[in-house]
Amino acid sequence: MIKSGRNGSVKWDPTGAGGVTAVALMSIKSFQLSLATEKINVSCFGDQNRVYIPGLRDISGTMGGFWNSEDMSLVEATELTAPGYLELIPDTTDGTPTPYSFSGLAYMDAEINTDVEGAPEMTGNFMAAGSWTMPASGVLAADGTRKARR
């Protein structure tokens, strides 16, 4: 079901434990998650075009929001030498008993942009530091082939 992004959430736990210890980052208004998979060129003599096979998935992305001095989590995350636990929830009202989410260990970067004509903004980048959990959709069969949608 398509829903508005107004109920999205970004949770962070600097200890890396996640779960109930992850808390929502304040003043975040957007995130972008990339699930790009690298493609390895395996083209050979005689091929009529380039041929590729999938390599590793590169889970990374960005988030944006506003500077809020009551929550320095994003700034503090940039100082960590060990990854923290990041959970991205497109809509907190979608899914039962818990919302659909994308989560795992991640490293974080942050930037603060201040302009005289607007509120100071915070942006951040994240990169996976281990395997991530994805919402189960039932689209892929156990052998990795596509199943028909109902």
Protein backbone atom coordinates (compact mmCIF):
# COMPACT_ATOMS: atom_id res chain seq x y z
CA MET A 1 0.00 0.00 0.00
CA ILE A 2 1.32 3.44 -0.89
CA LYS A 3 1.46 5.84 2.04
CA SER A 4 2.71 9.33 2.77
CA GLY A 5 6.29 9.69 4.00
CA ARG A 6 5.16 11.81 6.95
CA ASN A 7 5.28 8.79 9.28
CA GLY A 8 8.84 7.80 8.38
CA SER A 9 11.49 7.38 11.03
CA VAL A 10 15.25 6.99 11.36
CA LYS A 11 16.49 5.21 14.49
CA TRP A 12 20.05 5.00 15.74
CA ASP A 13 21.89 3.10 18.46
CA PRO A 14 25.58 3.98 18.85
CA THR A 15 26.25 0.74 20.76
CA GLY A 16 25.38 -1.33 17.68
CA ALA A 17 22.87 -3.46 19.61
CA GLY A 18 19.73 -2.10 17.95
CA GLY A 19 16.22 -3.28 18.70
CA VAL A 20 14.61 -1.51 21.63
CA THR A 21 17.80 0.44 22.35
CA ALA A 22 17.57 2.29 19.00
CA VAL A 23 15.97 5.72 19.38
CA ALA A 24 14.53 8.03 16.74
CA LEU A 25 16.86 10.77 15.54
CA MET A 26 15.18 14.13 16.08
CA SER A 27 14.48 16.59 13.29
CA ILE A 28 15.16 14.19 10.41
CA LYS A 29 12.76 14.81 7.53
CA SER A 30 14.05 12.55 4.76
CA PHE A 31 16.22 9.59 3.92
CA GLN A 32 17.35 7.87 0.76
CA LEU A 33 18.41 4.22 0.78
CA SER A 34 20.47 2.75 -2.06
CA LEU A 35 20.41 -1.02 -2.51
CA ALA A 36 22.57 -1.02 -5.63
CA THR A 37 24.29 -4.27 -6.55
CA GLU A 38 27.59 -4.06 -8.36
CA LYS A 39 27.71 -5.75 -11.75
CA ILE A 40 30.88 -7.63 -12.69
CA ASN A 41 31.82 -7.61 -16.36
CA VAL A 42 32.39 -11.21 -17.52
CA SER A 43 32.37 -10.47 -21.25
CA CYS A 44 34.45 -12.87 -23.33
CA PHE A 45 35.75 -13.16 -26.88
CA GLY A 46 32.90 -13.83 -29.24
CA ASP A 47 30.16 -12.27 -27.07
CA GLN A 48 27.84 -10.00 -29.06
CA ASN A 49 27.46 -7.59 -26.12
CA ARG A 50 28.80 -7.07 -22.63
CA VAL A 51 27.77 -9.76 -20.15
CA TYR A 52 27.47 -9.13 -16.40
CA ILE A 53 26.91 -11.11 -13.23
CA PRO A 54 25.82 -9.64 -9.90
CA GLY A 55 28.43 -8.95 -7.26
CA LEU A 56 27.92 -7.55 -3.77
CA ARG A 57 25.14 -5.20 -2.77
CA ASP A 58 26.31 -1.73 -1.70
CA ILE A 59 23.92 -0.55 0.99
CA SER A 60 24.33 3.15 1.57
CA GLY A 61 22.35 6.35 1.56
CA THR A 62 21.66 9.80 2.86
CA MET A 63 19.42 11.52 5.36
CA GLY A 64 18.46 15.12 5.89
CA GLY A 65 16.81 17.31 8.43
CA PHE A 66 17.41 20.31 10.62
CA TRP A 67 19.99 21.26 13.24
CA ASN A 68 18.56 20.58 16.68
CA SER A 69 20.89 21.20 19.63
CA GLU A 70 18.76 18.87 21.78
CA ASP A 71 19.86 15.84 19.73
CA MET A 72 23.53 15.60 18.80
CA SER A 73 23.32 11.89 17.85
CA LEU A 74 24.17 12.38 14.19
CA VAL A 75 27.19 14.55 15.01
CA GLU A 76 28.33 12.11 17.71
CA ALA A 77 27.95 9.18 15.29
CA THR A 78 30.71 10.64 13.13
CA GLU A 79 33.19 10.21 15.98
CA LEU A 80 32.63 6.47 16.42
CA THR A 81 35.31 4.03 15.32
CA ALA A 82 32.89 1.09 15.60
CA PRO A 83 29.64 1.01 13.62
CA GLY A 84 26.30 1.79 15.22
CA TYR A 85 22.90 0.30 14.47
CA LEU A 86 20.77 2.20 11.95
CA GLU A 87 17.10 1.50 11.26
CA LEU A 88 15.22 3.15 8.40
CA ILE A 89 11.42 2.96 8.54
CA PRO A 90 9.54 4.31 5.50
CA ASP A 91 6.24 4.43 7.44
CA THR A 92 5.78 3.64 11.15
CA THR A 93 2.10 2.74 10.54
CA ASP A 94 2.79 0.17 7.81
CA GLY A 95 3.26 -3.41 8.99
CA THR A 96 2.08 -5.61 11.80
CA PRO A 97 3.08 -6.14 14.53
CA THR A 98 6.11 -3.97 13.73
CA PRO A 99 6.63 -1.59 10.81
CA TYR A 100 8.62 -2.60 7.75
CA SER A 101 12.22 -1.48 8.15
CA PHE A 102 15.70 -1.73 6.71
CA SER A 103 18.36 -2.08 9.40
CA GLY A 104 21.90 -3.02 10.21
CA LEU A 105 25.28 -1.79 11.32
CA ALA A 106 26.46 1.41 9.66
CA TYR A 107 29.08 4.11 9.68
CA MET A 108 27.84 7.70 9.56
CA ASP A 109 29.04 11.05 8.23
CA ALA A 110 27.35 14.42 8.78
CA GLU A 111 27.32 17.94 7.42
CA ILE A 112 25.77 21.12 8.78
CA ASN A 113 24.62 23.75 6.30
CA THR A 114 23.62 27.18 7.58
CA ASP A 115 22.07 29.88 5.40
CA VAL A 116 20.81 33.33 6.38
CA GLU A 117 17.56 32.59 4.53
CA GLY A 118 16.62 29.35 6.28
CA ALA A 119 16.91 27.07 9.26
CA PRO A 120 20.30 25.36 9.69
CA GLU A 121 20.17 21.96 7.98
CA MET A 122 21.87 18.67 8.82
CA THR A 123 22.63 16.04 6.24
CA GLY A 124 24.23 12.67 6.75
CA ASN A 125 25.61 9.77 4.75
CA PHE A 126 25.66 6.17 5.88
CA MET A 127 27.43 3.04 4.67
CA ALA A 128 26.69 -0.53 5.70
CA ALA A 129 29.21 -2.13 8.04
CA GLY A 130 27.72 -5.62 7.96
CA SER A 131 24.69 -7.53 6.72
CA TRP A 132 21.36 -5.71 6.80
CA THR A 133 17.83 -6.93 7.46
CA MET A 134 15.23 -6.19 4.79
CA PRO A 135 11.44 -6.49 4.87
CA ALA A 136 10.29 -9.91 3.65
CA SER A 137 8.05 -9.62 0.61
CA GLY A 138 7.61 -13.18 -0.59
CA VAL A 139 8.61 -12.09 -4.11
CA LEU A 140 11.74 -14.22 -4.22
CA ALA A 141 11.59 -18.00 -3.86
CA ALA A 142 14.11 -19.85 -1.71
CA ASP A 143 16.32 -20.46 -4.77
CA GLY A 144 16.41 -16.72 -5.57
CA THR A 145 14.11 -16.87 -8.59
CA ARG A 146 11.08 -14.63 -8.90
CA LYS A 147 7.66 -15.89 -7.90
CA ALA A 148 4.49 -14.54 -9.44
CA ARG A 149 2.80 -11.73 -7.52
CA ARG A 150 -0.74 -12.32 -6.36
